[in-house]
């Protein structure tokens, strides 16, 4: 029976040694060495900045006393003075946070700020001879590019996995329901405990923050782009939170009739149907009414609620803007000034 199995491909001259073992061609060996060197160099450069984020979180139990439960994730130092980037879901609501380094050093950490909407958080430890990871530029990534993930999955500290960028510009929803944009999809293996660890390129620059996996699928993993993280960390360090604008409406996505799109020369085929307007809100003062359909803000099309969230960025808080609504057969440009959300 064994004699009938054969080989899947005919061996070429030079493929086998006299003992029958395979020898890779010289070119393949050089490529393998280059790949290995890239992963090794990146791991050695960033590894000392990676920490295990260990937390205690108070858990309420129905009919029973609350108790503190342990949890853990990953993070990385990004400034020499002790700021560490991690995921919001790792530290949110923690009563105690510790950062354990690969060297064995363990430091108490304090929460600087966290943003569940982007699933990012900043904690800080005492600046004692810390190695800081270098931020890269996630906008320069290309599909197929080598990336390396470093973290502490399932408690196995300083675990390194490698893969490629599978896709760019993905979006997924945070625990708050808000859409996180420009997410990186990779097949570098991630497991529980990798959350908050760095995704780095072959030069050892951090290009993403490992955030989520699709279970039970294999090789479908996601990281928040570092360009998003740059903005969030700056806001968290400065304000302890992310400043976002609001106009005070409740709404739902709706499709627009083709005739309406053509008649008003709209860029989008959908908008936000206003189902409610908060009293004394920017929308109420602007004259927005229930049953209006929002289709634009400051010259940008609004195709749905996610577009509206994106456009209500911190730089629009307190700034005079124009909201475009459809009211029956009319298209109205209404002056509006977004306010800062308090939640």
Protein backbone atom coordinates (compact mmCIF):
# COMPACT_ATOMS: atom_id res chain seq x y z
CA UNK A 1 0.00 0.00 0.00
CA UNK A 2 2.83 2.40 0.79
CA UNK A 3 4.30 1.96 -2.66
CA UNK A 4 1.20 3.42 -4.27
CA UNK A 5 1.40 6.78 -2.46
CA UNK A 6 4.19 8.30 -4.56
CA UNK A 7 5.18 11.99 -4.57
CA UNK A 8 2.93 14.93 -5.31
CA UNK A 9 5.55 16.40 -7.64
CA UNK A 10 8.50 15.01 -9.44
CA UNK A 11 11.81 15.84 -7.71
CA UNK A 12 14.22 18.00 -9.66
CA UNK A 13 17.92 17.53 -9.82
CA UNK A 14 19.52 19.01 -6.72
CA UNK A 15 16.32 18.87 -4.70
CA UNK A 16 17.37 15.80 -2.75
CA UNK A 17 20.60 14.88 -1.01
CA UNK A 18 22.05 11.38 -1.22
CA UNK A 19 20.12 10.56 1.96
CA UNK A 20 16.83 11.70 0.46
CA UNK A 21 16.36 14.86 2.58
CA UNK A 22 15.25 18.04 0.86
CA UNK A 23 17.64 20.97 0.43
CA UNK A 24 16.08 24.38 -0.34
CA UNK A 25 17.57 26.22 -3.31
CA UNK A 26 20.05 28.92 -2.37
CA UNK A 27 17.65 31.72 -3.34
CA UNK A 28 14.91 30.29 -1.10
CA UNK A 29 17.34 29.99 1.79
CA UNK A 30 18.33 33.65 1.38
CA UNK A 31 14.67 34.72 1.39
CA UNK A 32 14.00 32.65 4.49
CA UNK A 33 16.99 34.21 6.22
CA UNK A 34 15.80 37.72 5.30
CA UNK A 35 12.32 36.95 6.66
CA UNK A 36 13.77 35.55 9.86
CA UNK A 37 16.08 38.53 10.32
CA UNK A 38 13.18 40.95 9.90
CA UNK A 39 11.09 39.20 12.54
CA UNK A 40 14.04 38.81 14.91
CA UNK A 41 15.11 42.45 14.59
CA UNK A 42 11.57 43.75 15.10
CA UNK A 43 11.03 41.52 18.14
CA UNK A 44 14.35 42.55 19.69
CA UNK A 45 13.66 46.23 19.09
CA UNK A 46 10.09 46.37 20.39
CA UNK A 47 10.05 43.45 22.84
CA UNK A 48 11.56 45.37 25.80
CA UNK A 49 8.77 47.97 25.53
CA UNK A 50 5.96 45.39 25.71
CA UNK A 51 4.28 44.78 29.06
CA UNK A 52 1.73 42.43 30.52
CA UNK A 53 -1.12 44.57 31.83
CA UNK A 54 -2.55 42.86 34.89
CA UNK A 55 -5.76 44.22 36.43
CA UNK A 56 -8.24 43.66 39.20
CA UNK A 57 -11.84 44.45 38.29
CA UNK A 58 -14.85 44.64 40.56
CA UNK A 59 -17.57 42.26 39.38
CA UNK A 60 -21.16 42.69 40.56
CA UNK A 61 -23.05 39.45 41.07
CA UNK A 62 -26.81 39.29 41.45
CA UNK A 63 -27.81 38.49 45.01
CA UNK A 64 -24.20 37.96 46.09
CA UNK A 65 -21.44 40.27 47.35
CA UNK A 66 -19.32 41.95 44.66
CA UNK A 67 -15.84 40.51 44.28
CA UNK A 68 -12.64 41.50 42.52
CA UNK A 69 -11.59 39.31 39.61
CA UNK A 70 -8.18 39.23 37.91
CA UNK A 71 -7.72 39.99 34.23
CA UNK A 72 -4.84 40.64 31.90
CA UNK A 73 -3.89 41.93 28.49
CA UNK A 74 -0.92 43.54 26.79
CA UNK A 75 0.42 47.03 26.27
CA UNK A 76 3.57 48.87 25.25
CA UNK A 77 5.56 51.86 26.43
CA UNK A 78 5.49 54.63 23.85
CA UNK A 79 7.25 57.47 25.70
CA UNK A 80 10.36 57.35 27.91
CA UNK A 81 8.42 59.03 30.73
CA UNK A 82 6.21 56.00 31.29
CA UNK A 83 3.09 56.30 29.14
CA UNK A 84 1.76 52.91 28.03
CA UNK A 85 -0.82 52.27 25.31
CA UNK A 86 -3.29 49.40 25.68
CA UNK A 87 -6.94 48.54 24.97
CA UNK A 88 -9.80 50.15 26.81
CA UNK A 89 -11.48 46.80 27.36
CA UNK A 90 -8.38 45.60 29.22
CA UNK A 91 -8.37 48.37 31.87
CA UNK A 92 -11.88 49.84 31.84
CA UNK A 93 -13.29 49.81 35.37
CA UNK A 94 -10.12 48.34 36.90
CA UNK A 95 -9.55 48.92 40.61
CA UNK A 96 -5.84 48.12 40.29
CA UNK A 97 -3.46 48.05 37.31
CA UNK A 98 0.07 46.62 37.22
CA UNK A 99 2.54 46.48 34.33
CA UNK A 100 4.88 43.47 34.25
CA UNK A 101 7.93 43.71 31.98
CA UNK A 102 9.73 40.85 30.26
CA UNK A 103 12.75 41.63 32.45
CA UNK A 104 10.74 40.59 35.49
CA UNK A 105 10.21 44.14 36.74
CA UNK A 106 6.68 44.90 37.92
CA UNK A 107 5.35 48.44 38.35
CA UNK A 108 2.07 49.83 39.64
CA UNK A 109 0.25 51.79 36.93
CA UNK A 110 -2.38 54.51 36.98
CA UNK A 111 -5.08 55.10 34.41
CA UNK A 112 -4.51 58.30 32.45
CA UNK A 113 -7.64 57.93 30.33
CA UNK A 114 -9.57 55.40 28.27
CA UNK A 115 -11.86 55.66 25.27
CA UNK A 116 -14.26 52.74 24.80
CA UNK A 117 -15.37 54.21 21.46
CA UNK A 118 -11.95 53.46 19.93
CA UNK A 119 -11.05 50.67 22.41
CA UNK A 120 -7.83 52.48 23.36
CA UNK A 121 -6.49 53.52 26.76
CA UNK A 122 -3.35 55.11 28.21
CA UNK A 123 -1.85 54.10 31.56
CA UNK A 124 1.33 55.37 33.17
CA UNK A 125 4.15 53.89 35.27
CA UNK A 126 7.15 55.48 36.95
CA UNK A 127 9.78 56.36 34.29
CA UNK A 128 12.59 54.03 35.44
CA UNK A 129 14.96 53.26 32.53
CA UNK A 130 12.14 52.44 30.13
CA UNK A 131 12.49 51.40 26.50
CA UNK A 132 9.88 53.11 24.32
CA UNK A 133 8.50 51.71 21.07
CA UNK A 134 8.53 53.92 17.99
CA UNK A 135 5.26 54.84 16.26
CA UNK A 136 5.10 54.17 12.53
CA UNK A 137 2.59 55.35 9.92
CA UNK A 138 -0.37 53.04 9.31
CA UNK A 139 -1.34 54.96 6.16
CA UNK A 140 1.71 53.57 4.36
CA UNK A 141 0.81 49.90 4.94
CA UNK A 142 0.14 47.66 1.96
CA UNK A 143 -1.80 44.45 1.70
CA UNK A 144 0.63 41.52 1.89
CA UNK A 145 3.19 43.43 3.97
CA UNK A 146 4.92 41.56 6.78
CA UNK A 147 3.72 42.44 10.30
CA UNK A 148 4.68 41.07 13.70
CA UNK A 149 2.48 40.87 16.81
CA UNK A 150 4.02 40.87 20.28
CA UNK A 151 2.04 40.27 23.46
CA UNK A 152 1.09 37.98 26.28
CA UNK A 153 -1.60 35.58 25.01
CA UNK A 154 -3.11 33.30 27.66
CA UNK A 155 -0.40 34.41 30.08
CA UNK A 156 2.53 33.36 27.87
CA UNK A 157 4.68 36.48 28.17
CA UNK A 158 6.61 37.99 25.23
CA UNK A 159 5.01 35.80 22.58
CA UNK A 160 5.89 36.75 19.00
CA UNK A 161 3.77 35.83 15.98
CA UNK A 162 4.18 36.95 12.38
CA UNK A 163 1.91 37.26 9.38
CA UNK A 164 0.85 39.69 6.71
CA UNK A 165 -1.56 42.57 6.35
CA UNK A 166 -4.66 40.80 5.04
CA UNK A 167 -6.74 43.91 4.36
CA UNK A 168 -6.83 47.63 5.09
CA UNK A 169 -9.61 50.09 5.82
CA UNK A 170 -11.77 47.63 7.69
CA UNK A 171 -14.30 48.86 10.23
CA UNK A 172 -15.80 47.21 13.28
CA UNK A 173 -17.95 48.31 16.17
CA UNK A 174 -16.62 48.98 19.63
CA UNK A 175 -18.49 47.88 22.74
CA UNK A 176 -20.27 51.26 22.71
CA UNK A 177 -21.64 50.65 19.22
CA UNK A 178 -19.58 53.39 17.59
CA UNK A 179 -17.69 52.41 14.45
CA UNK A 180 -13.88 52.19 14.60
CA UNK A 181 -12.48 53.13 11.19
CA UNK A 182 -9.25 52.29 9.34
CA UNK A 183 -8.79 48.98 11.14
CA UNK A 184 -5.99 46.66 9.98
CA UNK A 185 -6.82 43.01 9.30
CA UNK A 186 -3.93 40.58 9.73
CA UNK A 187 -3.34 36.85 9.94
CA UNK A 188 -0.62 37.22 12.61
CA UNK A 189 -2.02 34.90 15.28
CA UNK A 190 -3.73 36.63 18.21
CA UNK A 191 -5.29 35.07 21.28
CA UNK A 192 -6.91 36.34 24.49
CA UNK A 193 -4.23 38.35 26.28
CA UNK A 194 -2.82 39.85 23.06
CA UNK A 195 -5.27 42.74 23.40
CA UNK A 196 -3.42 46.05 23.58
CA UNK A 197 -0.10 44.72 22.32
CA UNK A 198 1.74 46.23 19.36
CA UNK A 199 1.52 45.21 15.73
CA UNK A 200 4.84 46.22 14.18
CA UNK A 201 6.36 46.37 10.72
CA UNK A 202 9.64 44.82 9.63
CA UNK A 203 11.53 47.93 10.75
CA UNK A 204 10.20 47.56 14.29
CA UNK A 205 7.80 50.52 14.12
CA UNK A 206 4.37 50.13 15.70
CA UNK A 207 1.66 50.32 13.03
CA UNK A 208 -1.31 49.06 15.03
CA UNK A 209 -2.72 48.09 18.42
CA UNK A 210 -3.95 44.50 18.47
CA UNK A 211 -7.59 44.53 19.46
CA UNK A 212 -9.82 41.67 18.34
CA UNK A 213 -10.14 38.29 16.67
CA UNK A 214 -13.08 36.65 14.94
CA UNK A 215 -13.94 33.43 16.76
CA UNK A 216 -13.97 30.57 15.90
CA UNK A 217 -12.27 31.62 12.65
CA UNK A 218 -8.50 31.32 12.34
CA UNK A 219 -6.25 34.04 10.96
CA UNK A 220 -8.83 36.84 11.02
CA UNK A 221 -7.43 39.34 13.49
CA UNK A 222 -7.74 43.10 13.82
CA UNK A 223 -5.64 46.01 15.03
CA UNK A 224 -6.55 49.67 15.43
CA UNK A 225 -4.30 51.69 13.11
CA UNK A 226 -1.55 53.60 14.88
CA UNK A 227 -2.58 56.85 13.18
CA UNK A 228 -5.90 56.60 15.02
CA UNK A 229 -4.00 55.79 18.21
CA UNK A 230 -1.77 58.86 17.81
CA UNK A 231 -4.80 61.13 17.89
CA UNK A 232 -6.45 59.25 20.77
CA UNK A 233 -3.33 59.14 22.95
CA UNK A 234 -2.77 62.86 22.51
CA UNK A 235 -6.33 63.60 23.59
CA UNK A 236 -6.22 61.19 26.52
CA UNK A 237 -2.95 62.59 27.85
CA UNK A 238 -4.20 66.15 27.44
CA UNK A 239 -7.83 65.79 28.58
CA UNK A 240 -8.19 62.29 30.04
CA UNK A 241 -10.93 61.64 27.49
CA UNK A 242 -11.78 62.13 23.82
CA UNK A 243 -13.70 65.29 23.01
CA UNK A 244 -16.49 64.54 20.54
CA UNK A 245 -19.22 66.77 19.19
CA UNK A 246 -22.97 66.26 19.28
CA UNK A 247 -25.97 67.98 17.73
CA UNK A 248 -28.72 66.36 19.82
CA UNK A 249 -30.68 64.14 17.44
CA UNK A 250 -31.79 60.52 17.44
CA UNK A 251 -31.98 58.93 14.02
CA UNK A 252 -31.81 55.91 11.78
CA UNK A 253 -30.32 55.18 8.40
CA UNK A 254 -32.69 55.44 5.44
CA UNK A 255 -32.38 55.07 1.69
CA UNK A 256 -33.26 58.00 -0.56
CA UNK A 257 -35.49 57.74 -3.60
CA UNK A 258 -33.56 57.95 -6.85
CA UNK A 259 -35.73 60.86 -7.98
CA UNK A 260 -34.84 62.82 -4.81
CA UNK A 261 -31.11 62.18 -5.29
CA UNK A 262 -31.27 63.44 -8.88
CA UNK A 263 -33.51 66.41 -8.10
CA UNK A 264 -31.18 67.78 -5.41
CA UNK A 265 -27.89 66.67 -6.97
CA UNK A 266 -26.92 64.64 -3.89
CA UNK A 267 -23.69 62.64 -3.69
CA UNK A 268 -25.20 59.92 -1.47
CA UNK A 269 -28.14 57.59 -1.88
CA UNK A 270 -28.94 57.44 1.83
CA UNK A 271 -29.08 59.68 4.89
CA UNK A 272 -30.14 59.89 8.54
CA UNK A 273 -33.87 60.10 9.28
CA UNK A 274 -34.33 62.25 12.39
CA UNK A 275 -36.59 60.39 14.83
CA UNK A 276 -36.14 62.78 17.76
CA UNK A 277 -34.59 66.13 18.66
CA UNK A 278 -33.33 66.92 22.17
CA UNK A 279 -34.76 70.06 23.73
CA UNK A 280 -32.39 73.03 23.77
CA UNK A 281 -29.85 71.12 21.67
CA UNK A 282 -27.85 72.51 18.73
CA UNK A 283 -30.24 70.72 16.36
CA UNK A 284 -33.30 72.20 18.07
CA UNK A 285 -31.83 75.70 17.91
CA UNK A 286 -30.97 75.17 14.24
CA UNK A 287 -34.57 74.26 13.43
CA UNK A 288 -34.04 70.55 12.70
CA UNK A 289 -37.32 68.65 13.07
CA UNK A 290 -38.36 65.02 13.39
CA UNK A 291 -38.88 63.43 9.96
CA UNK A 292 -36.11 65.59 8.44
CA UNK A 293 -33.41 63.59 6.66
CA UNK A 294 -29.83 64.72 7.27
CA UNK A 295 -27.75 64.39 4.10
CA UNK A 296 -24.77 66.66 4.71
CA UNK A 297 -22.63 68.51 7.24
CA UNK A 298 -20.17 71.25 6.33
CA UNK A 299 -19.99 70.26 2.69
CA UNK A 300 -19.46 66.53 3.43
CA UNK A 301 -22.12 63.94 2.57
CA UNK A 302 -23.86 62.14 5.44
CA UNK A 303 -24.91 58.70 4.26
CA UNK A 304 -25.71 57.33 7.71
CA UNK A 305 -25.21 57.61 11.44
CA UNK A 306 -21.58 56.48 11.21
CA UNK A 307 -20.80 59.35 8.84
CA UNK A 308 -22.42 61.77 11.27
CA UNK A 309 -20.30 60.42 14.14
CA UNK A 310 -17.14 60.76 12.06
CA UNK A 311 -17.90 64.33 11.05
CA UNK A 312 -18.68 65.45 14.60
CA UNK A 313 -15.00 65.46 15.51
CA UNK A 314 -13.44 67.58 18.25
CA UNK A 315 -12.48 70.39 15.85
CA UNK A 316 -16.17 71.06 15.13
CA UNK A 317 -17.08 71.61 18.79
CA UNK A 318 -18.18 75.23 19.11
CA UNK A 319 -17.52 75.91 15.42
CA UNK A 320 -20.21 77.40 13.20
CA UNK A 321 -21.27 74.71 10.72
CA UNK A 322 -24.01 74.02 8.20
CA UNK A 323 -26.25 70.97 8.29
CA UNK A 324 -28.13 69.94 5.15
CA UNK A 325 -31.56 68.34 5.58
CA UNK A 326 -34.34 67.20 3.30
CA UNK A 327 -37.80 68.28 4.48
CA UNK A 328 -40.48 66.88 2.22
CA UNK A 329 -39.60 68.30 -1.21
CA UNK A 330 -37.17 70.94 0.08
CA UNK A 331 -33.44 70.86 0.70
CA UNK A 332 -32.48 73.19 3.56
CA UNK A 333 -29.10 74.50 4.70
CA UNK A 334 -29.37 75.21 8.42
CA UNK A 335 -26.67 76.92 10.54
CA UNK A 336 -25.65 74.77 13.51
CA UNK A 337 -22.92 74.80 16.18
CA UNK A 338 -22.10 71.34 17.60
CA UNK A 339 -21.53 71.02 21.34
CA UNK A 340 -19.21 68.71 23.25
CA UNK A 341 -20.84 65.48 24.32
CA UNK A 342 -20.83 64.93 28.07
CA UNK A 343 -20.95 61.14 27.97
